[in-house]
Amino acid sequence: MQGVAIAPGLSRSGATVAGALMAGMERFEAARFSFLLALPAILGAALVELRHVGGFAGSGPLVGGFVAATLSGMLAIRWLIQALTRGSLKPFAVYCALLGVVVLAWQLL
């Protein structure tokens, strides 16, 4: 499912959660599995991008961005896991599909 998610507009975590659910995993375990799958990709991308960091001078914005991204990511993951365990993500899927159609139509105009 991660390979499928390279298509534009497809969410990697959404694809892996959907695949895990289709394979019969429980909702919480599917979400946990999906986010564990993300760790190698995130760490690999971070290592690749570290080559662009030029020393510690001026690294304050970089550290601030890292902290902000980490905290907002953790909150988003927490929200998603709670949403998955409480109910269906079908309304969110419909919202994403409709928004995708609107964006595509806007770009074609």
Protein backbone atom coordinates (compact mmCIF):
# COMPACT_ATOMS: atom_id res chain seq x y z
CA MET A 1 0.00 0.00 0.00
CA GLN A 2 2.94 2.34 0.53
CA GLY A 3 3.88 1.75 -3.10
CA VAL A 4 0.35 2.63 -4.20
CA ALA A 5 0.56 5.86 -2.20
CA ILE A 6 3.21 7.31 -4.52
CA ALA A 7 0.35 8.37 -6.78
CA PRO A 8 -0.34 12.10 -6.50
CA GLY A 9 -2.95 12.97 -3.92
CA LEU A 10 -2.90 9.63 -2.13
CA SER A 11 -2.10 9.61 1.55
CA ARG A 12 0.57 7.10 2.57
CA SER A 13 -0.88 6.68 6.03
CA GLY A 14 -4.41 6.49 4.68
CA ALA A 15 -3.42 3.83 2.15
CA THR A 16 -1.56 1.73 4.72
CA VAL A 17 -4.38 2.01 7.28
CA ALA A 18 -6.92 1.00 4.60
CA GLY A 19 -4.72 -1.92 3.54
CA ALA A 20 -4.29 -3.10 7.12
CA LEU A 21 -8.04 -2.89 7.74
CA MET A 22 -8.72 -4.84 4.54
CA ALA A 23 -6.22 -7.46 5.75
CA GLY A 24 -8.30 -7.91 8.91
CA MET A 25 -6.34 -5.89 11.48
CA GLU A 26 -8.16 -4.10 14.28
CA ARG A 27 -8.47 -0.33 13.85
CA PHE A 28 -6.02 0.68 16.58
CA GLU A 29 -3.43 -1.85 15.45
CA ALA A 30 -3.85 -0.77 11.82
CA ALA A 31 -3.16 2.86 12.74
CA ARG A 32 -0.22 1.92 14.94
CA PHE A 33 1.22 -0.28 12.19
CA SER A 34 0.80 2.48 9.62
CA PHE A 35 2.69 5.02 11.66
CA LEU A 36 5.44 2.56 12.53
CA LEU A 37 5.86 1.99 8.78
CA ALA A 38 6.46 5.72 8.37
CA LEU A 39 9.48 5.83 10.67
CA PRO A 40 12.08 4.45 8.20
CA ALA A 41 10.91 6.84 5.48
CA ILE A 42 10.92 9.84 7.79
CA LEU A 43 14.32 9.03 9.27
CA GLY A 44 15.78 8.35 5.83
CA ALA A 45 14.48 11.65 4.47
CA ALA A 46 15.86 13.46 7.51
CA LEU A 47 19.30 11.95 6.97
CA VAL A 48 19.28 12.88 3.30
CA GLU A 49 18.25 16.46 4.07
CA LEU A 50 20.80 16.91 6.86
CA ARG A 51 23.48 17.41 4.21
CA HIS A 52 21.88 20.77 3.42
CA VAL A 53 22.30 22.07 6.97
CA GLY A 54 25.32 24.31 7.08
CA GLY A 55 26.62 24.23 10.65
CA PHE A 56 24.97 25.41 13.81
CA ALA A 57 24.96 29.14 12.99
CA GLY A 58 21.41 30.09 12.15
CA SER A 59 20.01 26.69 13.06
CA GLY A 60 17.42 28.22 15.42
CA PRO A 61 14.68 28.34 12.77
CA LEU A 62 15.50 24.77 11.78
CA VAL A 63 15.19 23.55 15.38
CA GLY A 64 11.99 25.57 15.85
CA GLY A 65 10.51 24.08 12.70
CA PHE A 66 11.50 20.59 13.81
CA VAL A 67 9.83 21.06 17.20
CA ALA A 68 6.67 22.57 15.66
CA ALA A 69 6.42 19.78 13.07
CA THR A 70 6.99 17.10 15.70
CA LEU A 71 4.33 18.46 18.06
CA SER A 72 1.74 19.06 15.34
CA GLY A 73 2.44 15.61 13.87
CA MET A 74 2.00 13.95 17.25
CA LEU A 75 -1.30 15.78 17.77
CA ALA A 76 -2.52 14.79 14.30
CA ILE A 77 -1.58 11.14 14.88
CA ARG A 78 -3.35 11.17 18.23
CA TRP A 79 -6.47 12.64 16.63
CA LEU A 80 -6.40 10.09 13.81
CA ILE A 81 -6.02 7.12 16.14
CA GLN A 82 -8.89 8.39 18.30
CA ALA A 83 -11.05 8.91 15.21
CA LEU A 84 -10.21 5.42 13.96
CA THR A 85 -11.05 3.73 17.24
CA ARG A 86 -14.28 5.69 17.75
CA GLY A 87 -15.85 5.30 14.35
CA SER A 88 -15.52 5.34 10.62
CA LEU A 89 -13.39 7.63 8.51
CA LYS A 90 -15.91 7.46 5.66
CA PRO A 91 -17.08 11.07 6.15
CA PHE A 92 -13.45 12.21 5.96
CA ALA A 93 -12.90 10.09 2.83
CA VAL A 94 -15.94 11.68 1.18
CA TYR A 95 -14.64 15.14 2.15
CA CYS A 96 -11.21 14.35 0.65
CA ALA A 97 -12.76 13.03 -2.56
CA LEU A 98 -15.00 16.07 -2.97
CA LEU A 99 -12.16 18.46 -2.21
CA GLY A 100 -9.98 16.61 -4.75
CA VAL A 101 -12.64 17.01 -7.44
CA VAL A 102 -12.99 20.73 -6.63
CA VAL A 103 -9.22 21.28 -6.77
CA LEU A 104 -8.92 19.38 -10.05
CA ALA A 105 -11.82 21.34 -11.56
CA TRP A 106 -10.27 24.60 -10.37
CA GLN A 107 -6.95 23.71 -11.99
CA LEU A 108 -8.62 22.84 -15.29
CA LEU A 109 -10.37 26.20 -15.52
